[in-house]
Amino acid sequence: MSIEAKAFLEGGPDELPERIVPIQPPGTELKVPFRGGYEHFKATSRHEETAQGRLPVYEWWERTEIAE
C-alpha cells in the first residue's frame, strides 16, 4: 500500500479550488494549472497541521500563462 505525498499551498489566488494537493514526486517546486495558466509554488522548511495530517508548506511565488 502506497501513501500519496501531499502538500499545503500557501498564497496565490484566493479562488484556488484546493489548498491540499498531491505532489509527485516531492521536490522544490509545484506547478498547479489554474485559469489558463500555472500557479507556481516552492517548498519551504515549514509544515502545517491539517485535517489530513502534518504537511509540508509550499509557498506561492509566481504565475505563468499557457501559450495559445
Protein backbone atom coordinates (compact mmCIF):
# COMPACT_ATOMS: atom_id res chain seq x y z
CA MET A 1 0.00 0.00 0.00
CA SER A 2 1.48 3.37 -1.03
CA ILE A 3 0.78 6.63 0.73
CA GLU A 4 0.39 9.61 -1.59
CA ALA A 5 2.55 12.59 -0.66
CA LYS A 6 0.60 15.83 -0.22
CA ALA A 7 1.40 19.49 0.33
CA PHE A 8 -0.37 22.50 1.81
CA LEU A 9 -0.45 25.51 -0.56
CA GLU A 10 0.03 28.97 0.93
CA GLY A 11 -0.59 32.19 -1.00
CA GLY A 12 -1.61 32.56 -4.62
CA PRO A 13 -5.15 33.23 -5.82
CA ASP A 14 -7.90 33.04 -3.19
CA GLU A 15 -10.03 31.15 -5.74
CA LEU A 16 -7.77 28.08 -5.94
CA PRO A 17 -10.12 25.11 -5.55
CA GLU A 18 -7.77 23.07 -3.34
CA ARG A 19 -5.19 24.02 -0.73
CA ILE A 20 -4.08 20.42 -0.10
CA VAL A 21 -2.73 18.80 -3.25
CA PRO A 22 -0.80 15.66 -4.19
CA ILE A 23 2.88 16.07 -5.01
CA GLN A 24 4.59 13.63 -7.38
CA PRO A 25 7.47 13.39 -6.62
CA PRO A 26 8.08 15.65 -3.63
CA GLY A 27 10.57 18.35 -4.57
CA THR A 28 11.33 22.01 -4.56
CA GLU A 29 8.65 23.30 -6.98
CA LEU A 30 4.98 22.57 -7.67
CA LYS A 31 3.05 23.78 -10.74
CA VAL A 32 -0.76 23.95 -10.40
CA PRO A 33 -2.90 24.53 -13.54
CA PHE A 34 -5.42 27.34 -12.94
CA ARG A 35 -7.46 29.61 -15.25
CA GLY A 36 -5.37 29.39 -18.40
CA GLY A 37 -2.02 29.35 -16.67
CA TYR A 38 0.02 27.82 -13.89
CA GLU A 39 0.47 28.90 -10.29
CA HIS A 40 3.98 28.07 -9.11
CA PHE A 41 4.73 27.11 -5.52
CA LYS A 42 8.13 26.48 -3.90
CA ALA A 43 8.76 24.12 -0.99
CA THR A 44 9.54 25.76 2.35
CA SER A 45 11.03 24.29 5.52
CA ARG A 46 7.69 24.83 7.32
CA HIS A 47 4.84 22.39 7.99
CA GLU A 48 1.11 22.90 8.58
CA GLU A 49 -1.16 20.81 10.80
CA THR A 50 -4.24 19.93 8.69
CA ALA A 51 -7.17 17.54 8.84
CA GLN A 52 -5.02 15.25 6.65
CA GLY A 53 -2.04 15.37 8.98
CA ARG A 54 1.16 17.39 9.15
CA LEU A 55 2.02 18.53 5.62
CA PRO A 56 4.91 20.44 4.07
CA VAL A 57 4.05 24.04 3.15
CA TYR A 58 4.57 25.15 -0.44
CA GLU A 59 4.53 28.94 -0.87
CA TRP A 60 3.26 30.73 -4.00
CA TRP A 61 5.92 32.64 -5.92
CA GLU A 62 4.70 33.30 -9.49
CA ARG A 63 2.13 32.72 -12.23
CA THR A 64 2.82 31.84 -15.85
CA GLU A 65 0.35 31.89 -18.75
CA ILE A 66 -0.28 28.96 -21.09
CA ALA A 67 0.56 30.00 -24.67
CA GLU A 68 -2.32 29.64 -27.09
